[in-house]
N, C-alpha and C. Protein backbone atom coordinates (compact mmCIF):
# COMPACT_ATOMS: atom_id res chain seq x y z
N MET A 1 171.99 104.63 156.09
CA MET A 1 171.57 105.13 154.79
C MET A 1 171.50 103.99 153.77
N ASN A 2 172.22 102.91 154.04
CA ASN A 2 172.17 101.77 153.12
C ASN A 2 170.79 101.13 153.06
N ARG A 3 170.01 101.32 154.10
CA ARG A 3 168.68 100.73 154.15
C ARG A 3 167.61 101.62 153.53
N MET A 4 167.98 102.83 153.16
CA MET A 4 167.04 103.78 152.57
C MET A 4 167.03 103.64 151.06
N ASP A 5 165.94 104.11 150.45
CA ASP A 5 165.97 104.18 149.00
C ASP A 5 166.93 105.30 148.61
N LYS A 6 167.36 105.30 147.38
CA LYS A 6 168.40 106.22 146.90
C LYS A 6 168.03 107.69 147.15
N ARG A 7 166.80 108.05 146.87
CA ARG A 7 166.37 109.45 147.04
C ARG A 7 166.47 109.88 148.50
N ASP A 8 165.97 109.07 149.42
CA ASP A 8 166.04 109.40 150.84
C ASP A 8 167.48 109.42 151.35
N ALA A 9 168.30 108.51 150.86
CA ALA A 9 169.72 108.51 151.24
C ALA A 9 170.41 109.78 150.75
N ASN A 10 170.07 110.23 149.56
CA ASN A 10 170.64 111.48 149.05
C ASN A 10 170.20 112.67 149.91
N ARG A 11 168.93 112.68 150.29
CA ARG A 11 168.43 113.77 151.14
C ARG A 11 169.15 113.78 152.49
N MET A 12 169.41 112.61 153.05
CA MET A 12 170.15 112.51 154.30
C MET A 12 171.58 113.01 154.12
N SER A 13 172.19 112.64 153.03
CA SER A 13 173.55 113.09 152.73
C SER A 13 173.61 114.61 152.62
N VAL A 14 172.62 115.21 151.98
CA VAL A 14 172.58 116.68 151.86
C VAL A 14 172.55 117.31 153.25
N ARG A 15 171.73 116.79 154.12
CA ARG A 15 171.63 117.33 155.48
C ARG A 15 172.97 117.24 156.21
N LEU A 16 173.66 116.11 156.06
CA LEU A 16 174.97 115.96 156.70
C LEU A 16 175.98 116.97 156.14
N GLU A 17 175.97 117.14 154.85
CA GLU A 17 176.91 118.08 154.22
C GLU A 17 176.61 119.53 154.61
N LEU A 18 175.34 119.88 154.67
CA LEU A 18 174.99 121.25 155.06
C LEU A 18 175.34 121.50 156.52
N GLN A 19 175.19 120.49 157.34
CA GLN A 19 175.59 120.64 158.74
C GLN A 19 177.11 120.83 158.82
N ALA A 20 177.85 120.12 158.00
CA ALA A 20 179.30 120.31 157.95
C ALA A 20 179.65 121.72 157.50
N ASP A 21 178.91 122.26 156.54
CA ASP A 21 179.14 123.65 156.11
C ASP A 21 178.88 124.61 157.26
N TYR A 22 177.80 124.36 158.00
CA TYR A 22 177.49 125.18 159.17
C TYR A 22 178.64 125.14 160.17
N TYR A 23 179.11 123.93 160.48
CA TYR A 23 180.20 123.80 161.45
C TYR A 23 181.49 124.45 160.95
N ALA A 24 181.71 124.44 159.65
CA ALA A 24 182.88 125.14 159.10
C ALA A 24 182.78 126.63 159.40
N GLY A 25 181.57 127.17 159.26
CA GLY A 25 181.35 128.58 159.60
C GLY A 25 181.56 128.86 161.08
N VAL A 26 181.08 127.97 161.93
CA VAL A 26 181.28 128.11 163.38
C VAL A 26 182.77 128.09 163.70
N TRP A 27 183.48 127.14 163.11
CA TRP A 27 184.92 127.06 163.35
C TRP A 27 185.61 128.36 162.92
N ALA A 28 185.26 128.86 161.74
CA ALA A 28 185.87 130.11 161.25
C ALA A 28 185.58 131.26 162.19
N TYR A 29 184.36 131.33 162.70
CA TYR A 29 184.00 132.38 163.65
C TYR A 29 184.92 132.35 164.87
N HIS A 30 185.04 131.17 165.49
CA HIS A 30 185.83 131.07 166.71
C HIS A 30 187.33 131.20 166.46
N ASP A 31 187.80 130.66 165.36
CA ASP A 31 189.21 130.81 165.03
C ASP A 31 189.56 132.28 164.82
N ASN A 32 188.69 132.98 164.12
CA ASN A 32 188.92 134.40 163.88
C ASN A 32 188.81 135.20 165.18
N LYS A 33 187.84 134.85 166.01
CA LYS A 33 187.67 135.56 167.28
C LYS A 33 188.88 135.38 168.18
N ASN A 34 189.41 134.16 168.22
CA ASN A 34 190.52 133.87 169.12
C ASN A 34 191.89 134.25 168.56
N PHE A 35 192.05 134.16 167.25
CA PHE A 35 193.37 134.35 166.66
C PHE A 35 193.44 135.42 165.57
N GLY A 36 192.31 136.01 165.23
CA GLY A 36 192.31 137.02 164.17
C GLY A 36 192.81 136.46 162.85
N SER A 37 192.40 135.24 162.56
CA SER A 37 192.96 134.51 161.43
C SER A 37 192.39 134.89 160.06
N LEU A 38 191.27 135.58 160.03
CA LEU A 38 190.67 135.92 158.73
C LEU A 38 191.04 137.33 158.31
N ASP A 39 191.45 137.44 157.08
CA ASP A 39 191.70 138.74 156.48
C ASP A 39 190.44 139.23 155.80
N ASP A 40 190.41 140.51 155.46
CA ASP A 40 189.28 141.05 154.70
C ASP A 40 189.10 140.21 153.44
N GLY A 41 187.89 139.81 153.19
CA GLY A 41 187.60 139.04 151.99
C GLY A 41 187.67 137.53 152.15
N ASP A 42 188.24 137.04 153.25
CA ASP A 42 188.34 135.59 153.44
C ASP A 42 186.97 134.93 153.53
N LEU A 43 186.07 135.54 154.29
CA LEU A 43 184.73 134.95 154.43
C LEU A 43 184.01 134.97 153.08
N GLU A 44 184.10 136.08 152.36
CA GLU A 44 183.48 136.16 151.05
C GLU A 44 184.05 135.11 150.09
N GLU A 45 185.35 134.89 150.19
CA GLU A 45 186.00 133.88 149.35
C GLU A 45 185.49 132.48 149.70
N GLY A 46 185.32 132.22 150.99
CA GLY A 46 184.79 130.93 151.43
C GLY A 46 183.36 130.74 150.95
N ILE A 47 182.56 131.79 151.03
CA ILE A 47 181.17 131.71 150.57
C ILE A 47 181.13 131.50 149.06
N ASN A 48 181.98 132.19 148.34
CA ASN A 48 182.06 132.02 146.89
C ASN A 48 182.47 130.59 146.55
N CYS A 49 183.42 130.05 147.28
CA CYS A 49 183.84 128.66 147.07
C CYS A 49 182.68 127.71 147.33
N ALA A 50 181.93 127.93 148.41
CA ALA A 50 180.77 127.08 148.72
C ALA A 50 179.78 127.10 147.56
N GLY A 51 179.64 128.26 146.93
CA GLY A 51 178.74 128.37 145.79
C GLY A 51 179.20 127.57 144.58
N LYS A 52 180.48 127.36 144.47
CA LYS A 52 181.03 126.64 143.32
C LYS A 52 181.07 125.12 143.52
N ILE A 53 180.73 124.68 144.72
CA ILE A 53 180.73 123.24 144.96
C ILE A 53 179.33 122.71 145.26
N GLY A 54 178.31 123.51 144.97
CA GLY A 54 176.95 123.02 145.10
C GLY A 54 176.64 122.03 143.99
N ASP A 55 175.82 121.05 144.31
CA ASP A 55 175.47 120.03 143.32
C ASP A 55 174.85 120.64 142.06
N ASP A 56 173.99 121.64 142.23
CA ASP A 56 173.33 122.25 141.07
C ASP A 56 174.36 122.91 140.15
N TYR A 57 175.28 123.65 140.74
CA TYR A 57 176.32 124.32 139.96
C TYR A 57 177.18 123.30 139.19
N LEU A 58 177.64 122.28 139.91
CA LEU A 58 178.53 121.29 139.29
C LEU A 58 177.82 120.50 138.20
N GLN A 59 176.58 120.10 138.43
CA GLN A 59 175.84 119.35 137.42
C GLN A 59 175.55 120.20 136.18
N LYS A 60 175.15 121.45 136.40
CA LYS A 60 174.88 122.33 135.25
C LYS A 60 176.15 122.57 134.44
N LYS A 61 177.25 122.73 135.13
CA LYS A 61 178.52 122.95 134.44
C LYS A 61 178.94 121.71 133.64
N ALA A 62 178.71 120.54 134.20
CA ALA A 62 179.14 119.29 133.55
C ALA A 62 178.20 118.84 132.44
N GLN A 63 176.89 118.98 132.66
CA GLN A 63 175.96 118.39 131.70
C GLN A 63 174.89 119.36 131.20
N GLY A 64 174.91 120.59 131.70
CA GLY A 64 173.97 121.59 131.22
C GLY A 64 172.65 121.64 131.95
N TYR A 65 172.41 120.74 132.88
CA TYR A 65 171.17 120.72 133.66
C TYR A 65 171.45 120.03 134.99
N ASP A 66 170.54 120.21 135.94
CA ASP A 66 170.73 119.54 137.22
C ASP A 66 169.59 118.56 137.49
N ILE A 67 169.86 117.62 138.36
CA ILE A 67 168.89 116.60 138.76
C ILE A 67 168.80 116.66 140.29
N PRO A 68 167.86 117.45 140.82
CA PRO A 68 167.79 117.65 142.28
C PRO A 68 167.72 116.37 143.11
N ASP A 69 167.03 115.33 142.65
CA ASP A 69 166.94 114.11 143.44
C ASP A 69 168.28 113.39 143.57
N SER A 70 169.24 113.76 142.75
CA SER A 70 170.56 113.12 142.82
C SER A 70 171.55 113.91 143.68
N PHE A 71 171.13 115.06 144.20
CA PHE A 71 172.04 115.89 145.00
C PHE A 71 172.45 115.14 146.26
N THR A 72 173.73 115.21 146.58
CA THR A 72 174.25 114.60 147.81
C THR A 72 174.97 115.61 148.71
N HIS A 73 175.15 116.85 148.24
CA HIS A 73 175.85 117.86 149.01
C HIS A 73 175.06 119.15 149.20
N GLY A 74 173.98 119.32 148.48
CA GLY A 74 173.18 120.53 148.59
C GLY A 74 173.44 121.48 147.44
N THR A 75 172.53 122.42 147.28
CA THR A 75 172.68 123.42 146.22
C THR A 75 173.71 124.46 146.63
N SER A 76 174.14 125.24 145.67
CA SER A 76 175.07 126.32 145.96
C SER A 76 174.48 127.28 146.98
N GLN A 77 173.22 127.64 146.79
CA GLN A 77 172.56 128.57 147.70
C GLN A 77 172.51 128.01 149.12
N GLN A 78 172.17 126.73 149.26
CA GLN A 78 172.11 126.10 150.58
C GLN A 78 173.48 126.10 151.24
N ARG A 79 174.49 125.74 150.49
CA ARG A 79 175.84 125.64 151.06
C ARG A 79 176.34 127.00 151.52
N MET A 80 176.08 128.02 150.71
CA MET A 80 176.49 129.37 151.10
C MET A 80 175.73 129.83 152.33
N ARG A 81 174.40 129.57 152.35
CA ARG A 81 173.56 130.01 153.46
C ARG A 81 173.99 129.36 154.78
N TRP A 82 174.27 128.05 154.78
CA TRP A 82 174.63 127.37 156.01
C TRP A 82 176.03 127.77 156.50
N LEU A 83 176.96 128.00 155.59
CA LEU A 83 178.28 128.48 155.98
C LEU A 83 178.16 129.85 156.63
N LYS A 84 177.40 130.75 156.01
CA LYS A 84 177.20 132.09 156.56
C LYS A 84 176.49 132.03 157.91
N ALA A 85 175.50 131.15 158.03
CA ALA A 85 174.76 131.04 159.30
C ALA A 85 175.68 130.59 160.42
N GLY A 86 176.55 129.63 160.15
CA GLY A 86 177.49 129.17 161.17
C GLY A 86 178.46 130.27 161.58
N TYR A 87 178.93 131.02 160.60
CA TYR A 87 179.86 132.11 160.91
C TYR A 87 179.15 133.22 161.66
N SER A 88 177.93 133.52 161.30
CA SER A 88 177.19 134.60 161.95
C SER A 88 176.86 134.28 163.40
N SER A 89 176.49 133.03 163.66
CA SER A 89 176.07 132.69 165.03
C SER A 89 177.24 132.27 165.91
N GLY A 90 178.18 131.52 165.37
CA GLY A 90 179.26 130.97 166.18
C GLY A 90 178.80 129.92 167.17
N ASP A 91 177.54 129.51 167.06
CA ASP A 91 176.94 128.59 168.01
C ASP A 91 176.71 127.23 167.36
N PRO A 92 177.47 126.21 167.76
CA PRO A 92 177.31 124.90 167.12
C PRO A 92 175.95 124.25 167.37
N ASP A 93 175.24 124.68 168.40
CA ASP A 93 173.95 124.08 168.72
C ASP A 93 172.80 124.59 167.87
N ARG A 94 173.03 125.61 167.06
CA ARG A 94 171.94 126.20 166.28
C ARG A 94 171.89 125.69 164.84
N GLY A 95 172.77 124.81 164.45
CA GLY A 95 172.86 124.39 163.06
C GLY A 95 172.46 122.96 162.79
N ASN A 96 171.52 122.43 163.54
CA ASN A 96 171.11 121.05 163.33
C ASN A 96 170.18 120.96 162.11
N THR A 97 170.72 120.59 160.99
CA THR A 97 169.94 120.55 159.75
C THR A 97 168.84 119.49 159.79
N PHE A 98 168.91 118.59 160.74
CA PHE A 98 167.89 117.56 160.87
C PHE A 98 166.63 118.09 161.56
N ASP A 99 166.72 119.30 162.10
CA ASP A 99 165.56 119.94 162.74
C ASP A 99 164.70 120.72 161.74
N TYR A 100 165.11 120.79 160.49
CA TYR A 100 164.42 121.60 159.49
C TYR A 100 163.78 120.70 158.44
N ASN A 101 162.67 121.17 157.85
CA ASN A 101 162.11 120.41 156.73
C ASN A 101 162.87 120.79 155.46
N ASP A 102 162.65 120.05 154.42
CA ASP A 102 163.41 120.23 153.17
C ASP A 102 163.31 121.66 152.63
N ASN A 103 162.16 122.28 152.76
CA ASN A 103 161.98 123.64 152.23
C ASN A 103 162.77 124.68 153.01
N GLN A 104 163.12 124.37 154.24
CA GLN A 104 163.86 125.32 155.07
C GLN A 104 165.37 125.19 154.93
N LEU A 105 165.83 124.15 154.29
CA LEU A 105 167.27 123.96 154.16
C LEU A 105 167.82 125.00 153.21
């Protein structure tokens, strides 16, 4: 990423972070399946938390507006969607964010 321009490096970083969100959902799925570790509302709480750590949410809260080209972790909507997708599928092979174009993230 050091060899990329800033905008492309940010886009790459977003993909990595969204993939991590997906894997967090996969982990939660399997942990819950094997150990019954999630209580009612835990998944919703995790999704709500993902919404509060999106770049758009944090930038708007801090400065009143967002700058999409500066995002390094993804929007709130993207983070929530990828976490839910990982939990819904439980399949680590289905969440390769590098297989999608920017509009599909």
